[in-house]
C-alpha atoms as a PDB file:
ATOM      1  CA  VAL A   1     -19.690  -0.321 -21.936  1.00  0.00           C
ATOM      2  CA  GLU A   2     -18.750  -2.177 -18.758  1.00  0.00           C
ATOM      3  CA  ALA A   3     -20.797   0.067 -16.462  1.00  0.00           C
ATOM      4  CA  ARG A   4     -24.011  -0.511 -18.470  1.00  0.00           C
ATOM      5  CA  PRO A   5     -23.705  -3.881 -20.234  1.00  0.00           C
ATOM      6  CA  GLU A   6     -27.355  -3.772 -21.244  1.00  0.00           C
ATOM      7  CA  LEU A   7     -26.474  -0.909 -23.621  1.00  0.00           C
ATOM      8  CA  ASN A   8     -24.105  -3.054 -25.693  1.00  0.00           C
ATOM      9  CA  GLY A   9     -25.747  -3.695 -29.050  1.00  0.00           C
ATOM     10  CA  ALA A  10     -28.429  -1.027 -28.534  1.00  0.00           C
ATOM     11  CA  ARG A  11     -29.237   1.491 -31.261  1.00  0.00           C
ATOM     12  CA  CYS A  12     -29.050   5.199 -30.536  1.00  0.00           C
ATOM     13  CA  THR A  13     -29.235   8.560 -32.330  1.00  0.00           C
ATOM     14  CA  LEU A  14     -26.523  11.196 -31.997  1.00  0.00           C
ATOM     15  CA  VAL A  15     -27.854  14.448 -30.541  1.00  0.00           C
ATOM     16  CA  GLY A  16     -24.653  16.427 -30.016  1.00  0.00           C
ATOM     17  CA  TYR A  17     -21.204  16.531 -28.415  1.00  0.00           C
ATOM     18  CA  SER A  18     -19.953  17.914 -25.075  1.00  0.00           C
ATOM     19  CA  ALA A  19     -16.333  19.030 -25.379  1.00  0.00           C
ATOM     20  CA  GLU A  20     -16.102  19.546 -21.623  1.00  0.00           C
ATOM     21  CA  ARG A  21     -17.064  15.948 -20.825  1.00  0.00           C
ATOM     22  CA  GLU A  22     -15.668  14.511 -24.084  1.00  0.00           C
ATOM     23  CA  ARG A  23     -18.898  12.597 -24.508  1.00  0.00           C
ATOM     24  CA  TRP A  24     -21.480  12.309 -27.255  1.00  0.00           C
ATOM     25  CA  THR A  25     -25.064  12.932 -26.189  1.00  0.00           C
ATOM     26  CA  VAL A  26     -27.175  10.147 -27.654  1.00  0.00           C
ATOM     27  CA  ARG A  27     -30.807   9.116 -27.452  1.00  0.00           C
ATOM     28  CA  THR A  28     -31.596   5.411 -27.401  1.00  0.00           C
ATOM     29  CA  ASP A  29     -34.498   3.861 -29.278  1.00  0.00           C
ATOM     30  CA  GLY A  30     -36.087   3.437 -25.839  1.00  0.00           C
ATOM     31  CA  GLY A  31     -36.038   7.214 -25.313  1.00  0.00           C
ATOM     32  CA  GLU A  32     -33.186   7.344 -22.749  1.00  0.00           C
ATOM     33  CA  THR A  33     -30.682  10.198 -23.109  1.00  0.00           C
ATOM     34  CA  LEU A  34     -27.063   9.279 -22.303  1.00  0.00           C
ATOM     35  CA  GLY A  35     -23.530  10.604 -22.581  1.00  0.00           C
ATOM     36  CA  LEU A  36     -21.116   8.124 -24.179  1.00  0.00           C
ATOM     37  CA  ARG A  37     -17.496   8.189 -25.260  1.00  0.00           C
ATOM     38  CA  ALA A  38     -16.784   8.056 -28.981  1.00  0.00           C
ATOM     39  CA  ALA A  39     -14.882   4.807 -28.437  1.00  0.00           C
ATOM     40  CA  ASN A  40     -18.131   3.176 -27.320  1.00  0.00           C
ATOM     41  CA  LEU A  41     -19.992   4.100 -30.502  1.00  0.00           C
ATOM     42  CA  GLY A  42     -19.905   2.597 -33.985  1.00  0.00           C
ATOM     43  CA  PRO A  43     -21.929   3.229 -37.172  1.00  0.00           C
ATOM     44  CA  VAL A  44     -24.424   0.552 -38.208  1.00  0.00           C
ATOM     45  CA  SER A  45     -26.376  -0.135 -41.362  1.00  0.00           C
ATOM     46  CA  GLU A  46     -30.127  -0.291 -41.726  1.00  0.00           C
ATOM     47  CA  GLY A  47     -29.967  -4.032 -41.114  1.00  0.00           C
ATOM     48  CA  GLY A  48     -28.203  -3.685 -37.803  1.00  0.00           C
ATOM     49  CA  GLY A  49     -24.748  -4.989 -38.841  1.00  0.00           C
ATOM     50  CA  GLY A  50     -21.561  -3.113 -39.640  1.00  0.00           C
ATOM     51  CA  GLY A  51     -21.164  -0.882 -42.681  1.00  0.00           C
ATOM     52  CA  GLU A  52     -22.486   2.466 -43.734  1.00  0.00           C
ATOM     53  CA  ALA A  53     -24.235   4.704 -41.262  1.00  0.00           C
ATOM     54  CA  ARG A  54     -27.846   5.481 -42.149  1.00  0.00           C
ATOM     55  CA  GLU A  55     -29.869   8.662 -41.825  1.00  0.00           C
ATOM     56  CA  SER A  56     -32.877   8.939 -39.536  1.00  0.00           C
ATOM     57  CA  SER A  57     -36.001  10.868 -40.422  1.00  0.00           C
ATOM     58  CA  ALA A  58     -34.576  13.833 -38.537  1.00  0.00           C
ATOM     59  CA  SER A  59     -31.346  13.700 -40.609  1.00  0.00           C
ATOM     60  CA  GLN A  60     -29.392  12.414 -37.610  1.00  0.00           C
ATOM     61  CA  VAL A  61     -26.963   9.521 -37.956  1.00  0.00           C
ATOM     62  CA  VAL A  62     -27.993   6.357 -36.140  1.00  0.00           C
ATOM     63  CA  TYR A  63     -25.261   4.505 -34.232  1.00  0.00           C
ATOM     64  CA  ALA A  64     -24.986   1.378 -32.122  1.00  0.00           C
ATOM     65  CA  VAL A  65     -22.825   0.742 -29.062  1.00  0.00           C
ATOM     66  CA  PRO A  66     -20.963  -2.539 -29.625  1.00  0.00           C
ATOM     67  CA  ARG A  67     -17.678  -1.641 -31.255  1.00  0.00           C
ATOM     68  CA  ALA A  68     -15.111   1.152 -31.126  1.00  0.00           C
ATOM     69  CA  VAL A  69     -14.502   3.671 -33.924  1.00  0.00           C
ATOM     70  CA  THR A  70     -12.448   6.855 -34.094  1.00  0.00           C
ATOM     71  CA  PHE A  71     -14.197  10.220 -34.311  1.00  0.00           C
ATOM     72  CA  ALA A  72     -12.934  13.752 -34.825  1.00  0.00           C
ATOM     73  CA  PRO A  73     -16.116  15.429 -33.550  1.00  0.00           C
ATOM     74  CA  THR A  74     -16.939  19.090 -33.851  1.00  0.00           C
ATOM     75  CA  PRO A  75     -17.965  20.430 -30.406  1.00  0.00           C
ATOM     76  CA  LEU A  76     -21.621  21.412 -30.213  1.00  0.00           C
ATOM     77  CA  ALA A  77     -23.520  23.313 -27.544  1.00  0.00           C
ATOM     78  CA  VAL A  78     -25.474  20.521 -25.883  1.00  0.00           C
ATOM     79  CA  PRO A  79     -27.617  21.176 -22.796  1.00  0.00           C
ATOM     80  CA  ALA A  80     -26.608  18.931 -19.890  1.00  0.00           C
ATOM     81  CA  ARG A  81     -30.130  18.646 -18.474  1.00  0.00           C
ATOM     82  CA  ASN A  82     -31.482  15.105 -18.238  1.00  0.00           C
ATOM     83  CA  VAL A  83     -28.268  13.588 -19.604  1.00  0.00           C
ATOM     84  CA  ARG A  84     -26.839  10.626 -17.670  1.00  0.00           C
ATOM     85  CA  TRP A  85     -23.106  10.267 -18.258  1.00  0.00           C
ATOM     86  CA  VAL A  86     -21.994   6.646 -18.603  1.00  0.00           C
ATOM     87  CA  ASP A  87     -18.365   5.830 -17.737  1.00  0.00           C
ATOM     88  CA  ASP A  88     -16.599   2.498 -17.782  1.00  0.00           C
ATOM     89  CA  SER A  89     -15.762   1.272 -14.290  1.00  0.00           C
ATOM     90  CA  THR A  90     -12.043   1.422 -15.139  1.00  0.00           C
ATOM     91  CA  ASP A  91     -12.253   5.052 -16.270  1.00  0.00           C
ATOM     92  CA  SER A  92     -12.344   6.757 -12.854  1.00  0.00           C
ATOM     93  CA  PRO A  93      -9.729   9.519 -12.448  1.00  0.00           C
ATOM     94  CA  HIS A  94      -9.873   9.107  -8.674  1.00  0.00           C
ATOM     95  CA  VAL A  95      -7.024   7.323  -6.921  1.00  0.00           C
ATOM     96  CA  PRO A  96      -7.805   5.620  -3.583  1.00  0.00           C
ATOM     97  CA  VAL A  97      -6.253   7.613  -0.738  1.00  0.00           C
ATOM     98  CA  HIS A  98      -5.482   5.881   2.544  1.00  0.00           C
ATOM     99  CA  ALA A  99      -7.064   7.656   5.523  1.00  0.00           C
ATOM    100  CA  PRO A 100      -5.705   6.823   8.981  1.00  0.00           C
ATOM    101  CA  PRO A 101      -8.226   5.965  11.722  1.00  0.00           C
ATOM    102  CA  LEU A 102      -9.761   9.208  12.975  1.00  0.00           C
ATOM    103  CA  SER A 103     -11.799  10.293  15.977  1.00  0.00           C
ATOM    104  CA  ILE A 104     -14.794  12.043  14.438  1.00  0.00           C
ATOM    105  CA  ALA A 105     -17.409  14.079  16.300  1.00  0.00           C
ATOM    106  CA  ILE A 106     -20.823  14.481  14.659  1.00  0.00           C
ATOM    107  CA  LEU A 107     -22.719  17.440  16.129  1.00  0.00           C
ATOM    108  CA  ILE A 108     -26.481  17.502  15.619  1.00  0.00           C
ATOM    109  CA  VAL A 109     -29.019  20.040  16.815  1.00  0.00           C
ATOM    110  CA  GLY A 110     -32.547  18.945  15.966  1.00  0.00           C
ATOM    111  CA  THR A 111     -35.206  16.299  16.193  1.00  0.00           C
ATOM    112  CA  HIS A 112     -35.168  12.515  15.881  1.00  0.00           C
ATOM    113  CA  GLY A 113     -35.439  12.900  12.094  1.00  0.00           C
ATOM    114  CA  ASP A 114     -32.313  15.068  12.040  1.00  0.00           C
ATOM    115  CA  VAL A 115     -30.297  12.534  14.020  1.00  0.00           C
ATOM    116  CA  LEU A 116     -31.131   9.312  12.133  1.00  0.00           C
ATOM    117  CA  PRO A 117     -29.299  10.117   8.853  1.00  0.00           C
ATOM    118  CA  PHE A 118     -26.156  10.910  10.839  1.00  0.00           C
ATOM    119  CA  VAL A 119     -26.455   7.585  12.665  1.00  0.00           C
ATOM    120  CA  SER A 120     -26.265   5.872   9.268  1.00  0.00           C
ATOM    121  CA  LEU A 121     -23.205   7.968   8.416  1.00  0.00           C
ATOM    122  CA  ALA A 122     -21.606   7.076  11.761  1.00  0.00           C
ATOM    123  CA  LEU A 123     -22.113   3.357  11.156  1.00  0.00           C
ATOM    124  CA  ALA A 124     -20.585   3.623   7.686  1.00  0.00           C
ATOM    125  CA  LEU A 125     -17.554   5.475   9.045  1.00  0.00           C
ATOM    126  CA  GLN A 126     -17.121   2.887  11.786  1.00  0.00           C
ATOM    127  CA  THR A 127     -16.795   0.170   9.151  1.00  0.00           C
ATOM    128  CA  LYS A 128     -13.821   2.152   7.793  1.00  0.00           C
ATOM    129  CA  GLY A 129     -12.078   1.915  11.169  1.00  0.00           C
ATOM    130  CA  HIS A 130     -12.901   5.390  12.527  1.00  0.00           C
ATOM    131  CA  ARG A 131     -14.020   6.164  16.077  1.00  0.00           C
ATOM    132  CA  ILE A 132     -17.313   8.061  15.940  1.00  0.00           C
ATOM    133  CA  ARG A 133     -19.080  10.139  18.552  1.00  0.00           C
ATOM    134  CA  ILE A 134     -22.519  11.646  18.014  1.00  0.00           C
ATOM    135  CA  ALA A 135     -23.164  14.735  20.137  1.00  0.00           C
ATOM    136  CA  THR A 136     -26.813  15.710  20.299  1.00  0.00           C
ATOM    137  CA  HIS A 137     -29.587  16.437  22.800  1.00  0.00           C
ATOM    138  CA  GLU A 138     -29.970  14.154  25.828  1.00  0.00           C
ATOM    139  CA  THR A 139     -33.362  12.981  24.601  1.00  0.00           C
ATOM    140  CA  HIS A 140     -31.596  11.221  21.715  1.00  0.00           C
ATOM    141  CA  ARG A 141     -29.071   9.322  23.858  1.00  0.00           C
ATOM    142  CA  SER A 142     -31.006   6.037  23.717  1.00  0.00           C
ATOM    143  CA  LEU A 143     -31.352   6.289  19.922  1.00  0.00           C
ATOM    144  CA  VAL A 144     -27.589   6.684  19.478  1.00  0.00           C
ATOM    145  CA  ALA A 145     -26.785   3.981  22.047  1.00  0.00           C
ATOM    146  CA  LYS A 146     -29.137   1.574  20.275  1.00  0.00           C
ATOM    147  CA  TYR A 147     -26.706   1.509  17.340  1.00  0.00           C
ATOM    148  CA  ASP A 148     -23.573   1.171  19.516  1.00  0.00           C
ATOM    149  CA  VAL A 149     -22.278   4.623  18.622  1.00  0.00           C
ATOM    150  CA  GLU A 150     -20.531   6.761  21.249  1.00  0.00           C
ATOM    151  CA  TYR A 151     -22.537   9.689  22.561  1.00  0.00           C
ATOM    152  CA  TYR A 152     -22.097  13.118  24.142  1.00  0.00           C
ATOM    153  CA  PRO A 153     -24.973  15.295  25.409  1.00  0.00           C
ATOM    154  CA  LEU A 154     -25.596  18.713  23.910  1.00  0.00           C
ATOM    155  CA  ALA A 155     -27.805  21.228  25.678  1.00  0.00           C
ATOM    156  CA  GLY A 156     -31.169  22.268  24.298  1.00  0.00           C
ATOM    157  CA  ASP A 157     -34.692  20.899  23.960  1.00  0.00           C
ATOM    158  CA  PRO A 158     -35.348  19.693  20.387  1.00  0.00           C
ATOM    159  CA  LYS A 159     -39.125  19.846  20.843  1.00  0.00           C
ATOM    160  CA  GLN A 160     -39.008  23.495  21.903  1.00  0.00           C
ATOM    161  CA  LEU A 161     -36.547  24.350  19.134  1.00  0.00           C
ATOM    162  CA  SER A 162     -38.889  22.751  16.612  1.00  0.00           C
ATOM    163  CA  GLU A 163     -41.838  24.795  17.891  1.00  0.00           C
ATOM    164  CA  TRP A 164     -39.824  27.988  17.566  1.00  0.00           C
ATOM    165  CA  MET A 165     -38.817  27.010  14.042  1.00  0.00           C
ATOM    166  CA  VAL A 166     -42.473  26.564  13.041  1.00  0.00           C
ATOM    167  CA  GLU A 167     -43.310  29.903  14.641  1.00  0.00           C
ATOM    168  CA  THR A 168     -40.647  31.825  12.718  1.00  0.00           C
ATOM    169  CA  GLY A 169     -40.968  29.880   9.476  1.00  0.00           C
ATOM    170  CA  GLY A 170     -37.220  29.345   9.515  1.00  0.00           C
ATOM    171  CA  THR A 171     -36.582  32.759   7.946  1.00  0.00           C
ATOM    172  CA  ILE A 172     -34.501  35.732   9.059  1.00  0.00           C
ATOM    173  CA  ALA A 173     -37.587  37.950   8.913  1.00  0.00           C
ATOM    174  CA  GLY A 174     -39.440  35.480  11.117  1.00  0.00           C
ATOM    175  CA  GLU A 175     -36.576  35.440  13.616  1.00  0.00           C
ATOM    176  CA  VAL A 176     -36.600  39.246  13.814  1.00  0.00           C
ATOM    177  CA  LEU A 177     -40.354  39.272  14.427  1.00  0.00           C
ATOM    178  CA  HIS A 178     -40.183  36.589  17.121  1.00  0.00           C
ATOM    179  CA  ILE A 179     -37.170  37.429  19.255  1.00  0.00           C
ATOM    180  CA  LYS A 180     -37.320  35.463  22.499  1.00  0.00           C
ATOM    181  CA  SER A 181     -34.866  35.684  25.361  1.00  0.00           C
ATOM    182  CA  ALA A 182     -35.526  32.026  26.233  1.00  0.00           C
ATOM    183  CA  LYS A 183     -34.506  30.999  22.748  1.00  0.00           C
ATOM    184  CA  MET A 184     -31.292  33.030  22.847  1.00  0.00           C
ATOM    185  CA  THR A 185     -30.454  31.500  26.223  1.00  0.00           C
ATOM    186  CA  MET A 186     -30.984  27.981  24.888  1.00  0.00           C
ATOM    187  CA  LEU A 187     -28.833  28.627  21.826  1.00  0.00           C
ATOM    188  CA  GLN A 188     -26.080  29.960  24.045  1.00  0.00           C
ATOM    189  CA  GLU A 189     -26.277  26.816  26.170  1.00  0.00           C
ATOM    190  CA  ILE A 190     -26.027  24.641  23.048  1.00  0.00           C
ATOM    191  CA  VAL A 191     -22.976  26.501  21.762  1.00  0.00           C
ATOM    192  CA  THR A 192     -21.340  26.257  25.180  1.00  0.00           C
ATOM    193  CA  THR A 193     -21.562  22.452  25.096  1.00  0.00           C
ATOM    194  CA  ILE A 194     -20.020  22.179  21.625  1.00  0.00           C
ATOM    195  CA  TRP A 195     -16.428  22.493  22.863  1.00  0.00           C
ATOM    196  CA  PRO A 196     -16.568  19.715  25.499  1.00  0.00           C
ATOM    197  CA  ALA A 197     -18.431  17.582  22.954  1.00  0.00           C
ATOM    198  CA  VAL A 198     -15.261  17.415  20.848  1.00  0.00           C
ATOM    199  CA  THR A 199     -12.664  17.371  23.668  1.00  0.00           C
ATOM    200  CA  GLU A 200     -14.048  15.644  26.782  1.00  0.00           C
ATOM    201  CA  ALA A 201     -15.349  12.286  27.953  1.00  0.00           C
ATOM    202  CA  ASP A 202     -19.092  11.656  27.972  1.00  0.00           C
ATOM    203  CA  PRO A 203     -20.270  12.489  31.519  1.00  0.00           C
ATOM    204  CA  GLY A 204     -22.674   9.560  31.257  1.00  0.00           C
ATOM    205  CA  ASP A 205     -19.937   7.078  30.317  1.00  0.00           C
ATOM    206  CA  PRO A 206     -18.912   5.010  33.362  1.00  0.00           C
ATOM    207  CA  LEU A 207     -15.563   4.281  31.683  1.00  0.00           C
ATOM    208  CA  LYS A 208     -14.882   8.006  31.145  1.00  0.00           C
ATOM    209  CA  ARG A 209     -13.106   7.265  27.877  1.00  0.00           C
ATOM    210  CA  PRO A 210     -11.123  10.341  26.741  1.00  0.00           C
ATOM    211  CA  PHE A 211     -12.013  11.832  23.366  1.00  0.00           C
ATOM    212  CA  THR A 212     -10.405  14.470  21.154  1.00  0.00           C
ATOM    213  CA  ALA A 213     -11.879  14.997  17.719  1.00  0.00           C
ATOM    214  CA  ASP A 214      -9.649  14.868  14.647  1.00  0.00           C
ATOM    215  CA  ALA A 215     -12.582  15.895  12.459  1.00  0.00           C
ATOM    216  CA  ILE A 216     -16.014  17.452  12.987  1.00  0.00           C
ATOM    217  CA  ILE A 217     -19.229  16.900  11.051  1.00  0.00           C
ATOM    218  CA  ALA A 218     -22.268  19.019  11.940  1.00  0.00           C
ATOM    219  CA  ASN A 219     -25.624  20.206  10.741  1.00  0.00           C
ATOM    220  CA  PRO A 220     -25.793  23.999  10.252  1.00  0.00           C
ATOM    221  CA  VAL A 221     -27.863  24.826  13.337  1.00  0.00           C
ATOM    222  CA  ALA A 222     -25.110  23.510  15.621  1.00  0.00           C
ATOM    223  CA  PHE A 223     -23.660  27.026  15.081  1.00  0.00           C
ATOM    224  CA  GLY A 224     -20.459  26.607  17.126  1.00  0.00           C
ATOM    225  CA  HIS A 225     -18.928  23.776  15.091  1.00  0.00           C
ATOM    226  CA  VAL A 226     -16.870  26.087  12.856  1.00  0.00           C
ATOM    227  CA  HIS A 227     -15.384  27.896  15.843  1.00  0.00           C
ATOM    228  CA  VAL A 228     -14.346  24.794  17.771  1.00  0.00           C
ATOM    229  CA  ALA A 229     -12.828  23.342  14.584  1.00  0.00           C
ATOM    230  CA  GLU A 230     -10.716  26.469  14.180  1.00  0.00           C
ATOM    231  CA  ALA A 231      -9.712  26.327  17.862  1.00  0.00           C
END
């Protein structure tokens, strides 16, 4: 097993078979539950070498990992919970697909804690050759600039939005019970700035670099992201 070399030579007990994944569910002597291909399993004797398979106290055949054998297993209903599927690194069905450099707008409505994970995503995408812009509230401009990621200001006060969220509990019922005209006005202002965030230069950029998004990433409370993507 190339992906888990420490498993090679380990003893394990067959628990069942998943026809969907084409993997045997096994439990190691250390108590770990795994999903392994039949080709990665071989019967062992009581002494640990090759030969006849032995029976455990629970009448389950004990196998070891090191060599390949051929099985014609009968599918069993095996629960997938707590099973870690182990695949060889050369087994992936995915074929690398070349993606051309894209201009990607990341739209974030929220607090500092909402923005930081998207900064990490932006940095990762930049290493792949993409141009990234993070559009979020003005109060987060310095945070985004600190990591050398392009920025665009969205309307809205994240502190006030957070207070309203606590007040309503983040539920529809809470929203109905706490309807505020100020909140609706702020949300409208946020949505209004979504379109220029994906099509215009940052007003705070002295170079006024043009920007048109090829792709949009957003957190749900940005609201308008779906509509500008369709436009």
